[in-house]
């Protein structure tokens, strides 16, 4: 093989190494920026968790000290939320299967 082919191969190899380093550097910088944003969000949330509640806010009395109607209403509301979430999950599942059926037909 002539010497100039080796020179071309070496130049091509060095260009690919440089392109790879640039690619890795850009993605690394983007990852650092994303990690910094996530860290800032986490620190805000941890800070909010550490603050606690205001003294002026009244805490609800324990459920066993309240009338049964209150517990019944809370249970009804919570169970309605559960049913709503299950229905939403079933709906998403049906929509996804409809997309797959159209895709495979």
PDB file of N, CA and C in Angstrom:
ATOM      1  N   UNK A   1       0.853  -1.168   0.000  1.00  0.00           N
ATOM      2  CA  UNK A   1       0.000   0.000   0.000  1.00  0.00           C
ATOM      3  C   UNK A   1       0.901   1.233   0.000  1.00  0.00           C
ATOM      4  N   UNK A   2       0.584   2.222  -0.818  1.00  0.00           N
ATOM      5  CA  UNK A   2       1.426   3.421  -0.876  1.00  0.00           C
ATOM      6  C   UNK A   2       1.372   4.205   0.440  1.00  0.00           C
ATOM      7  N   UNK A   3       2.409   5.012   0.618  1.00  0.00           N
ATOM      8  CA  UNK A   3       2.525   5.763   1.873  1.00  0.00           C
ATOM      9  C   UNK A   3       1.406   6.767   2.047  1.00  0.00           C
ATOM     10  N   UNK A   4       0.888   7.343   0.973  1.00  0.00           N
ATOM     11  CA  UNK A   4      -0.142   8.380   1.092  1.00  0.00           C
ATOM     12  C   UNK A   4      -1.475   7.790   1.566  1.00  0.00           C
ATOM     13  N   UNK A   5      -1.709   6.488   1.325  1.00  0.00           N
ATOM     14  CA  UNK A   5      -2.928   5.838   1.836  1.00  0.00           C
ATOM     15  C   UNK A   5      -2.857   5.767   3.356  1.00  0.00           C
ATOM     16  N   UNK A   6      -1.662   5.453   3.867  1.00  0.00           N
ATOM     17  CA  UNK A   6      -1.491   5.414   5.315  1.00  0.00           C
ATOM     18  C   UNK A   6      -1.706   6.795   5.923  1.00  0.00           C
ATOM     19  N   UNK A   7      -1.242   7.803   5.266  1.00  0.00           N
ATOM     20  CA  UNK A   7      -1.438   9.173   5.751  1.00  0.00           C
ATOM     21  C   UNK A   7      -2.931   9.494   5.789  1.00  0.00           C
ATOM     22  N   UNK A   8      -3.647   9.122   4.727  1.00  0.00           N
ATOM     23  CA  UNK A   8      -5.100   9.361   4.705  1.00  0.00           C
ATOM     24  C   UNK A   8      -5.809   8.606   5.832  1.00  0.00           C
ATOM     25  N   UNK A   9      -5.400   7.361   6.060  1.00  0.00           N
ATOM     26  CA  UNK A   9      -6.008   6.574   7.136  1.00  0.00           C
ATOM     27  C   UNK A   9      -5.745   7.199   8.502  1.00  0.00           C
ATOM     28  N   UNK A  10      -4.523   7.654   8.717  1.00  0.00           N
ATOM     29  CA  UNK A  10      -4.174   8.283   9.999  1.00  0.00           C
ATOM     30  C   UNK A  10      -4.951   9.581  10.180  1.00  0.00           C
ATOM     31  N   UNK A  11      -5.054  10.385   9.124  1.00  0.00           N
ATOM     32  CA  UNK A  11      -5.809  11.640   9.208  1.00  0.00           C
ATOM     33  C   UNK A  11      -7.279  11.346   9.496  1.00  0.00           C
ATOM     34  N   UNK A  12      -7.830  10.337   8.811  1.00  0.00           N
ATOM     35  CA  UNK A  12      -9.225   9.967   9.037  1.00  0.00           C
ATOM     36  C   UNK A  12      -9.428   9.491  10.474  1.00  0.00           C
ATOM     37  N   UNK A  13      -8.490   8.678  10.972  1.00  0.00           N
ATOM     38  CA  UNK A  13      -8.590   8.181  12.338  1.00  0.00           C
ATOM     39  C   UNK A  13      -8.544   9.336  13.337  1.00  0.00           C
ATOM     40  N   UNK A  14      -7.629  10.264  13.145  1.00  0.00           N
ATOM     41  CA  UNK A  14      -7.527  11.406  14.055  1.00  0.00           C
ATOM     42  C   UNK A  14      -8.780  12.278  13.992  1.00  0.00           C
ATOM     43  N   UNK A  15      -9.344  12.427  12.790  1.00  0.00           N
ATOM     44  CA  UNK A  15     -10.581  13.207  12.656  1.00  0.00           C
ATOM     45  C   UNK A  15     -11.725  12.524  13.392  1.00  0.00           C
ATOM     46  N   UNK A  16     -11.817  11.202  13.306  1.00  0.00           N
ATOM     47  CA  UNK A  16     -12.882  10.471  13.998  1.00  0.00           C
ATOM     48  C   UNK A  16     -12.694  10.533  15.515  1.00  0.00           C
ATOM     49  N   UNK A  17     -11.464  10.456  15.979  1.00  0.00           N
ATOM     50  CA  UNK A  17     -11.202  10.581  17.414  1.00  0.00           C
ATOM     51  C   UNK A  17     -11.602  11.971  17.894  1.00  0.00           C
ATOM     52  N   UNK A  18     -11.242  12.993  17.141  1.00  0.00           N
ATOM     53  CA  UNK A  18     -11.610  14.365  17.518  1.00  0.00           C
ATOM     54  C   UNK A  18     -13.127  14.534  17.508  1.00  0.00           C
ATOM     55  N   UNK A  19     -13.798  13.994  16.485  1.00  0.00           N
ATOM     56  CA  UNK A  19     -15.259  14.102  16.426  1.00  0.00           C
ATOM     57  C   UNK A  19     -15.895  13.374  17.607  1.00  0.00           C
ATOM     58  N   UNK A  20     -15.352  12.219  17.965  1.00  0.00           N
ATOM     59  CA  UNK A  20     -15.874  11.474  19.114  1.00  0.00           C
ATOM     60  C   UNK A  20     -15.689  12.231  20.413  1.00  0.00           C
ATOM     61  N   UNK A  21     -14.536  12.868  20.569  1.00  0.00           N
ATOM     62  CA  UNK A  21     -14.294  13.654  21.780  1.00  0.00           C
ATOM     63  C   UNK A  21     -15.235  14.852  21.862  1.00  0.00           C
ATOM     64  N   UNK A  22     -15.462  15.510  20.743  1.00  0.00           N
ATOM     65  CA  UNK A  22     -16.392  16.646  20.719  1.00  0.00           C
ATOM     66  C   UNK A  22     -17.801  16.169  21.059  1.00  0.00           C
ATOM     67  N   UNK A  23     -18.216  15.063  20.453  1.00  0.00           N
ATOM     68  CA  UNK A  23     -19.546  14.504  20.705  1.00  0.00           C
ATOM     69  C   UNK A  23     -19.709  14.155  22.185  1.00  0.00           C
ATOM     70  N   UNK A  24     -18.725  13.448  22.744  1.00  0.00           N
ATOM     71  CA  UNK A  24     -18.791  13.065  24.150  1.00  0.00           C
ATOM     72  C   UNK A  24     -18.767  14.295  25.052  1.00  0.00           C
ATOM     73  N   UNK A  25     -17.967  15.289  24.699  1.00  0.00           N
ATOM     74  CA  UNK A  25     -17.904  16.506  25.509  1.00  0.00           C
ATOM     75  C   UNK A  25     -19.216  17.264  25.517  1.00  0.00           C
ATOM     76  N   UNK A  26     -19.831  17.406  24.340  1.00  0.00           N
ATOM     77  CA  UNK A  26     -21.119  18.116  24.280  1.00  0.00           C
ATOM     78  C   UNK A  26     -22.193  17.384  25.070  1.00  0.00           C
ATOM     79  N   UNK A  27     -22.256  16.070  24.912  1.00  0.00           N
ATOM     80  CA  UNK A  27     -23.260  15.315  25.659  1.00  0.00           C
ATOM     81  C   UNK A  27     -22.954  15.307  27.157  1.00  0.00           C
ATOM     82  N   UNK A  28     -21.689  15.307  27.510  1.00  0.00           N
ATOM     83  CA  UNK A  28     -21.325  15.387  28.922  1.00  0.00           C
ATOM     84  C   UNK A  28     -21.736  16.715  29.533  1.00  0.00           C
ATOM     85  N   UNK A  29     -21.521  17.807  28.804  1.00  0.00           N
ATOM     86  CA  UNK A  29     -21.937  19.120  29.311  1.00  0.00           C
ATOM     87  C   UNK A  29     -23.454  19.196  29.458  1.00  0.00           C
ATOM     88  N   UNK A  30     -24.178  18.643  28.488  1.00  0.00           N
ATOM     89  CA  UNK A  30     -25.636  18.636  28.575  1.00  0.00           C
ATOM     90  C   UNK A  30     -26.097  17.804  29.779  1.00  0.00           C
ATOM     91  N   UNK A  31     -25.424  16.680  30.019  1.00  0.00           N
ATOM     92  CA  UNK A  31     -25.772  15.842  31.161  1.00  0.00           C
ATOM     93  C   UNK A  31     -25.493  16.569  32.473  1.00  0.00           C
ATOM     94  N   UNK A  32     -24.390  17.297  32.534  1.00  0.00           N
ATOM     95  CA  UNK A  32     -24.090  18.062  33.747  1.00  0.00           C
ATOM     96  C   UNK A  32     -25.130  19.146  33.991  1.00  0.00           C
ATOM     97  N   UNK A  33     -25.569  19.820  32.923  1.00  0.00           N
ATOM     98  CA  UNK A  33     -26.590  20.853  33.072  1.00  0.00           C
ATOM     99  C   UNK A  33     -27.903  20.234  33.552  1.00  0.00           C
ATOM    100  N   UNK A  34     -28.282  19.098  32.970  1.00  0.00           N
ATOM    101  CA  UNK A  34     -29.509  18.426  33.392  1.00  0.00           C
ATOM    102  C   UNK A  34     -29.406  17.961  34.841  1.00  0.00           C
ATOM    103  N   UNK A  35     -28.248  17.437  35.215  1.00  0.00           N
ATOM    104  CA  UNK A  35     -28.056  16.990  36.593  1.00  0.00           C
ATOM    105  C   UNK A  35     -28.129  18.176  37.552  1.00  0.00           C
ATOM    106  N   UNK A  36     -27.607  19.318  37.145  1.00  0.00           N
ATOM    107  CA  UNK A  36     -27.694  20.513  37.988  1.00  0.00           C
ATOM    108  C   UNK A  36     -29.127  20.972  38.178  1.00  0.00           C
ATOM    109  N   UNK A  37     -29.916  20.916  37.100  1.00  0.00           N
ATOM    110  CA  UNK A  37     -31.325  21.300  37.215  1.00  0.00           C
ATOM    111  C   UNK A  37     -32.075  20.335  38.127  1.00  0.00           C
ATOM    112  N   UNK A  38     -31.800  19.056  37.990  1.00  0.00           N
ATOM    113  CA  UNK A  38     -32.454  18.064  38.843  1.00  0.00           C
ATOM    114  C   UNK A  38     -32.043  18.281  40.291  1.00  0.00           C
ATOM    115  N   UNK A  39     -30.765  18.560  40.521  1.00  0.00           N
ATOM    116  CA  UNK A  39     -30.298  18.828  41.879  1.00  0.00           C
ATOM    117  C   UNK A  39     -30.964  20.055  42.480  1.00  0.00           C
ATOM    118  N   UNK A  40     -31.161  21.095  41.674  1.00  0.00           N
ATOM    119  CA  UNK A  40     -31.827  22.300  42.171  1.00  0.00           C
ATOM    120  C   UNK A  40     -33.274  22.003  42.538  1.00  0.00           C
ATOM    121  N   UNK A  41     -33.962  21.237  41.696  1.00  0.00           N
ATOM    122  CA  UNK A  41     -35.352  20.882  41.999  1.00  0.00           C
ATOM    123  C   UNK A  41     -35.441  20.039  43.266  1.00  0.00           C
ATOM    124  N   UNK A  42     -34.514  19.081  43.388  1.00  0.00           N
ATOM    125  CA  UNK A  42     -34.519  18.244  44.584  1.00  0.00           C
ATOM    126  C   UNK A  42     -34.239  19.065  45.834  1.00  0.00           C
ATOM    127  N   UNK A  43     -33.296  19.984  45.760  1.00  0.00           N
ATOM    128  CA  UNK A  43     -32.982  20.786  46.944  1.00  0.00           C
ATOM    129  C   UNK A  43     -34.162  21.660  47.342  1.00  0.00           C
ATOM    130  N   UNK A  44     -34.891  22.196  46.353  1.00  0.00           N
ATOM    131  CA  UNK A  44     -36.085  22.984  46.678  1.00  0.00           C
ATOM    132  C   UNK A  44     -37.124  22.122  47.381  1.00  0.00           C
ATOM    133  N   UNK A  45     -37.316  20.919  46.897  1.00  0.00           N
ATOM    134  CA  UNK A  45     -38.330  20.050  47.499  1.00  0.00           C
ATOM    135  C   UNK A  45     -37.915  19.588  48.888  1.00  0.00           C
ATOM    136  N   UNK A  46     -36.629  19.261  49.064  1.00  0.00           N
ATOM    137  CA  UNK A  46     -36.169  18.865  50.392  1.00  0.00           C
ATOM    138  C   UNK A  46     -36.263  20.037  51.363  1.00  0.00           C
ATOM    139  N   UNK A  47     -35.975  21.228  50.880  1.00  0.00           N
ATOM    140  CA  UNK A  47     -36.087  22.417  51.713  1.00  0.00           C
ATOM    141  C   UNK A  47     -37.536  22.637  52.133  1.00  0.00           C
ATOM    142  N   UNK A  48     -38.459  22.459  51.195  1.00  0.00           N
ATOM    143  CA  UNK A  48     -39.878  22.622  51.511  1.00  0.00           C
ATOM    144  C   UNK A  48     -40.335  21.556  52.501  1.00  0.00           C
ATOM    145  N   UNK A  49     -39.788  20.350  52.393  1.00  0.00           N
ATOM    146  CA  UNK A  49     -40.167  19.295  53.337  1.00  0.00           C
ATOM    147  C   UNK A  49     -39.645  19.602  54.732  1.00  0.00           C
ATOM    148  N   UNK A  50     -38.491  20.239  54.820  1.00  0.00           N
ATOM    149  CA  UNK A  50     -37.907  20.528  56.117  1.00  0.00           C
ATOM    150  C   UNK A  50     -38.538  21.700  56.836  1.00  0.00           C
ATOM    151  N   UNK A  51     -39.276  22.547  56.116  1.00  0.00           N
ATOM    152  CA  UNK A  51     -39.852  23.729  56.743  1.00  0.00           C
ATOM    153  C   UNK A  51     -40.973  23.389  57.716  1.00  0.00           C
ATOM    154  N   UNK A  52     -41.764  22.391  57.435  1.00  0.00           N
ATOM    155  CA  UNK A  52     -42.872  22.040  58.309  1.00  0.00           C
ATOM    156  C   UNK A  52     -44.076  22.919  58.032  1.00  0.00           C
ATOM    157  N   UNK A  53     -45.103  22.748  58.842  1.00  0.00           N
ATOM    158  CA  UNK A  53     -46.336  23.508  58.653  1.00  0.00           C
ATOM    159  C   UNK A  53     -46.336  24.743  59.539  1.00  0.00           C
ATOM    160  N   UNK A  54     -47.157  25.705  59.164  1.00  0.00           N
ATOM    161  CA  UNK A  54     -47.292  26.917  59.966  1.00  0.00           C
ATOM    162  C   UNK A  54     -48.045  26.606  61.256  1.00  0.00           C
ATOM    163  N   UNK A  55     -47.764  27.394  62.297  1.00  0.00           N
ATOM    164  CA  UNK A  55     -48.440  27.188  63.576  1.00  0.00           C
ATOM    165  C   UNK A  55     -49.908  27.585  63.484  1.00  0.00           C
ATOM    166  N   UNK A  56     -50.251  28.485  62.570  1.00  0.00           N
ATOM    167  CA  UNK A  56     -51.625  28.946  62.435  1.00  0.00           C
ATOM    168  C   UNK A  56     -52.548  27.913  61.811  1.00  0.00           C
ATOM    169  N   UNK A  57     -51.988  26.958  61.079  1.00  0.00           N
ATOM    170  CA  UNK A  57     -52.822  25.938  60.458  1.00  0.00           C
ATOM    171  C   UNK A  57     -53.277  24.941  61.511  1.00  0.00           C
ATOM    172  N   UNK A  58     -54.549  24.614  61.454  1.00  0.00           N
ATOM    173  CA  UNK A  58     -55.061  23.644  62.417  1.00  0.00           C
ATOM    174  C   UNK A  58     -54.988  22.256  61.799  1.00  0.00           C
ATOM    175  N   UNK A  59     -54.507  21.313  62.565  1.00  0.00           N
ATOM    176  CA  UNK A  59     -54.448  19.934  62.097  1.00  0.00           C
ATOM    177  C   UNK A  59     -55.803  19.289  62.319  1.00  0.00           C
ATOM    178  N   UNK A  60     -56.177  18.406  61.404  1.00  0.00           N
ATOM    179  CA  UNK A  60     -57.425  17.677  61.601  1.00  0.00           C
ATOM    180  C   UNK A  60     -57.280  16.767  62.806  1.00  0.00           C
ATOM    181  N   UNK A  61     -58.376  16.624  63.495  1.00  0.00           N
ATOM    182  CA  UNK A  61     -58.374  15.709  64.635  1.00  0.00           C
ATOM    183  C   UNK A  61     -58.233  14.286  64.107  1.00  0.00           C
ATOM    184  N   UNK A  62     -57.724  13.377  64.926  1.00  0.00           N
ATOM    185  CA  UNK A  62     -57.621  11.990  64.475  1.00  0.00           C
ATOM    186  C   UNK A  62     -58.986  11.459  64.047  1.00  0.00           C
ATOM    187  N   UNK A  63     -58.974  10.585  63.091  1.00  0.00           N
ATOM    188  CA  UNK A  63     -60.219  10.103  62.504  1.00  0.00           C
ATOM    189  C   UNK A  63     -61.088   9.371  63.522  1.00  0.00           C
ATOM    190  N   UNK A  64     -60.466   8.671  64.475  1.00  0.00           N
ATOM    191  CA  UNK A  64     -61.271   7.915  65.431  1.00  0.00           C
ATOM    192  C   UNK A  64     -62.000   8.809  66.433  1.00  0.00           C
ATOM    193  N   UNK A  65     -61.643  10.104  66.474  1.00  0.00           N
ATOM    194  CA  UNK A  65     -62.347  11.017  67.373  1.00  0.00           C
ATOM    195  C   UNK A  65     -63.471  11.763  66.668  1.00  0.00           C
ATOM    196  N   UNK A  66     -63.612  11.557  65.373  1.00  0.00           N
ATOM    197  CA  UNK A  66     -64.639  12.260  64.609  1.00  0.00           C
ATOM    198  C   UNK A  66     -65.838  11.341  64.392  1.00  0.00           C
ATOM    199  N   UNK A  67     -66.972  11.928  64.018  1.00  0.00           N
ATOM    200  CA  UNK A  67     -68.151  11.097  63.770  1.00  0.00           C
ATOM    201  C   UNK A  67     -67.900  10.113  62.617  1.00  0.00           C
ATOM    202  N   UNK A  68     -68.662   9.023  62.618  1.00  0.00           N
ATOM    203  CA  UNK A  68     -68.494   8.007  61.583  1.00  0.00           C
ATOM    204  C   UNK A  68     -68.832   8.533  60.196  1.00  0.00           C
ATOM    205  N   UNK A  69     -69.693   9.542  60.127  1.00  0.00           N
ATOM    206  CA  UNK A  69     -70.036  10.111  58.823  1.00  0.00           C
ATOM    207  C   UNK A  69     -68.797  10.690  58.128  1.00  0.00           C
ATOM    208  N   UNK A  70     -67.911  11.280  58.907  1.00  0.00           N
ATOM    209  CA  UNK A  70     -66.690  11.858  58.339  1.00  0.00           C
ATOM    210  C   UNK A  70     -65.820  10.747  57.748  1.00  0.00           C
ATOM    211  N   UNK A  71     -65.647   9.664  58.505  1.00  0.00           N
ATOM    212  CA  UNK A  71     -64.850   8.542  58.012  1.00  0.00           C
ATOM    213  C   UNK A  71     -65.497   7.924  56.778  1.00  0.00           C
ATOM    214  N   UNK A  72     -66.820   7.802  56.797  1.00  0.00           N
ATOM    215  CA  UNK A  72     -67.532   7.229  55.655  1.00  0.00           C
ATOM    216  C   UNK A  72     -67.340   8.098  54.415  1.00  0.00           C
ATOM    217  N   UNK A  73     -67.441   9.408  54.571  1.00  0.00           N
ATOM    218  CA  UNK A  73     -67.261  10.314  53.431  1.00  0.00           C
ATOM    219  C   UNK A  73     -65.829  10.254  52.887  1.00  0.00           C
ATOM    220  N   UNK A  74     -64.855  10.189  53.801  1.00  0.00           N
ATOM    221  CA  UNK A  74     -63.466  10.077  53.354  1.00  0.00           C
ATOM    222  C   UNK A  74     -63.247   8.782  52.581  1.00  0.00           C
ATOM    223  N   UNK A  75     -63.845   7.693  53.095  1.00  0.00           N
ATOM    224  CA  UNK A  75     -63.695   6.411  52.417  1.00  0.00           C
ATOM    225  C   UNK A  75     -64.349   6.451  51.044  1.00  0.00           C
ATOM    226  N   UNK A  76     -65.542   7.036  50.959  1.00  0.00           N
ATOM    227  CA  UNK A  76     -66.247   7.129  49.680  1.00  0.00           C
ATOM    228  C   UNK A  76     -65.419   7.934  48.680  1.00  0.00           C
ATOM    229  N   UNK A  77     -64.862   9.052  49.133  1.00  0.00           N
ATOM    230  CA  UNK A  77     -64.035   9.879  48.244  1.00  0.00           C
ATOM    231  C   UNK A  77     -62.784   9.127  47.780  1.00  0.00           C
ATOM    232  N   UNK A  78     -62.132   8.439  48.726  1.00  0.00           N
ATOM    233  CA  UNK A  78     -60.916   7.707  48.379  1.00  0.00           C
ATOM    234  C   UNK A  78     -61.229   6.562  47.417  1.00  0.00           C
ATOM    235  N   UNK A  79     -62.340   5.866  47.666  1.00  0.00           N
ATOM    236  CA  UNK A  79     -62.697   4.752  46.789  1.00  0.00           C
ATOM    237  C   UNK A  79     -63.097   5.255  45.403  1.00  0.00           C
ATOM    238  N   UNK A  80     -63.747   6.394  45.341  1.00  0.00           N
ATOM    239  CA  UNK A  80     -64.094   6.981  44.040  1.00  0.00           C
ATOM    240  C   UNK A  80     -62.826   7.340  43.267  1.00  0.00           C
ATOM    241  N   UNK A  81     -61.806   7.841  43.971  1.00  0.00           N
ATOM    242  CA  UNK A  81     -60.525   8.132  43.309  1.00  0.00           C
ATOM    243  C   UNK A  81     -59.881   6.857  42.769  1.00  0.00           C
ATOM    244  N   UNK A  82     -59.965   5.775  43.554  1.00  0.00           N
ATOM    245  CA  UNK A  82     -59.399   4.497  43.114  1.00  0.00           C
ATOM    246  C   UNK A  82     -60.105   4.020  41.854  1.00  0.00           C
ATOM    247  N   UNK A  83     -61.422   4.084  41.853  1.00  0.00           N
ATOM    248  CA  UNK A  83     -62.189   3.648  40.682  1.00  0.00           C
ATOM    249  C   UNK A  83     -61.859   4.524  39.477  1.00  0.00           C
ATOM    250  N   UNK A  84     -61.723   5.837  39.701  1.00  0.00           N
ATOM    251  CA  UNK A  84     -61.375   6.745  38.611  1.00  0.00           C
ATOM    252  C   UNK A  84     -60.015   6.389  38.012  1.00  0.00           C
ATOM    253  N   UNK A  85     -59.034   6.101  38.874  1.00  0.00           N
ATOM    254  CA  UNK A  85     -57.707   5.727  38.387  1.00  0.00           C
ATOM    255  C   UNK A  85     -57.742   4.406  37.623  1.00  0.00           C
ATOM    256  N   UNK A  86     -58.513   3.438  38.130  1.00  0.00           N
ATOM    257  CA  UNK A  86     -58.618   2.154  37.433  1.00  0.00           C
ATOM    258  C   UNK A  86     -59.267   2.327  36.069  1.00  0.00           C
ATOM    259  N   UNK A  87     -60.319   3.138  36.004  1.00  0.00           N
ATOM    260  CA  UNK A  87     -60.975   3.385  34.716  1.00  0.00           C
ATOM    261  C   UNK A  87     -60.033   4.078  33.741  1.00  0.00           C
ATOM    262  N   UNK A  88     -59.254   5.028  34.243  1.00  0.00           N
ATOM    263  CA  UNK A  88     -58.293   5.720  33.378  1.00  0.00           C
ATOM    264  C   UNK A  88     -57.245   4.736  32.865  1.00  0.00           C
ATOM    265  N   UNK A  89     -56.807   3.824  33.733  1.00  0.00           N
ATOM    266  CA  UNK A  89     -55.827   2.823  33.319  1.00  0.00           C
ATOM    267  C   UNK A  89     -56.420   1.905  32.253  1.00  0.00           C
ATOM    268  N   UNK A  90     -57.658   1.468  32.456  1.00  0.00           N
ATOM    269  CA  UNK A  90     -58.314   0.615  31.453  1.00  0.00           C
ATOM    270  C   UNK A  90     -58.467   1.356  30.129  1.00  0.00           C
ATOM    271  N   UNK A  91     -58.814   2.639  30.210  1.00  0.00           N
ATOM    272  CA  UNK A  91     -58.989   3.432  28.996  1.00  0.00           C
ATOM    273  C   UNK A  91     -57.666   3.566  28.233  1.00  0.00           C
ATOM    274  N   UNK A  92     -56.575   3.851  28.966  1.00  0.00           N
ATOM    275  CA  UNK A  92     -55.265   3.944  28.316  1.00  0.00           C
ATOM    276  C   UNK A  92     -54.871   2.618  27.679  1.00  0.00           C
ATOM    277  N   UNK A  93     -55.181   1.522  28.381  1.00  0.00           N
ATOM    278  CA  UNK A  93     -54.865   0.198  27.862  1.00  0.00           C
ATOM    279  C   UNK A  93     -55.645  -0.067  26.574  1.00  0.00           C
ATOM    280  N   UNK A  94     -56.938   0.249  26.570  1.00  0.00           N
ATOM    281  CA  UNK A  94     -57.763   0.034  25.378  1.00  0.00           C
ATOM    282  C   UNK A  94     -57.282   0.896  24.212  1.00  0.00           C
ATOM    283  N   UNK A  95     -56.917   2.143  24.496  1.00  0.00           N
ATOM    284  CA  UNK A  95     -56.414   3.016  23.431  1.00  0.00           C
ATOM    285  C   UNK A  95     -55.118   2.475  22.842  1.00  0.00           C
ATOM    286  N   UNK A  96     -54.237   1.989  23.701  1.00  0.00           N
ATOM    287  CA  UNK A  96     -52.964   1.461  23.225  1.00  0.00           C
ATOM    288  C   UNK A  96     -53.192   0.227  22.354  1.00  0.00           C
ATOM    289  N   UNK A  97     -54.113  -0.657  22.789  1.00  0.00           N
ATOM    290  CA  UNK A  97     -54.396  -1.849  21.996  1.00  0.00           C
ATOM    291  C   UNK A  97     -55.042  -1.479  20.674  1.00  0.00           C
ATOM    292  N   UNK A  98     -55.874  -0.443  20.668  1.00  0.00           N
ATOM    293  CA  UNK A  98     -56.484  -0.004  19.412  1.00  0.00           C
ATOM    294  C   UNK A  98     -55.406   0.468  18.436  1.00  0.00           C
ATOM    295  N   UNK A  99     -54.405   1.174  18.951  1.00  0.00           N
ATOM    296  CA  UNK A  99     -53.301   1.616  18.098  1.00  0.00           C
ATOM    297  C   UNK A  99     -52.552   0.403  17.546  1.00  0.00           C
ATOM    298  N   UNK A 100     -52.305  -0.590  18.397  1.00  0.00           N
ATOM    299  CA  UNK A 100     -51.592  -1.777  17.937  1.00  0.00           C
ATOM    300  C   UNK A 100     -52.410  -2.554  16.911  1.00  0.00           C
ATOM    301  N   UNK A 101     -53.739  -2.612  17.127  1.00  0.00           N
ATOM    302  CA  UNK A 101     -54.587  -3.315  16.161  1.00  0.00           C
ATOM    303  C   UNK A 101     -54.524  -2.644  14.798  1.00  0.00           C
ATOM    304  N   UNK A 102     -54.571  -1.296  14.795  1.00  0.00           N
ATOM    305  CA  UNK A 102     -54.471  -0.568  13.530  1.00  0.00           C
ATOM    306  C   UNK A 102     -53.102  -0.776  12.891  1.00  0.00           C
ATOM    307  N   UNK A 103     -52.074  -0.862  13.719  1.00  0.00           N
ATOM    308  CA  UNK A 103     -50.710  -1.021  13.219  1.00  0.00           C
ATOM    309  C   UNK A 103     -50.509  -2.391  12.576  1.00  0.00           C
ATOM    310  N   UNK A 104     -51.093  -3.438  13.178  1.00  0.00           N
ATOM    311  CA  UNK A 104     -50.866  -4.795  12.685  1.00  0.00           C
ATOM    312  C   UNK A 104     -51.809  -5.184  11.562  1.00  0.00           C
ATOM    313  N   UNK A 105     -52.860  -4.419  11.339  1.00  0.00           N
ATOM    314  CA  UNK A 105     -53.797  -4.757  10.248  1.00  0.00           C
ATOM    315  C   UNK A 105     -53.270  -4.348   8.907  1.00  0.00           C
TER     316      UNK A 105
END
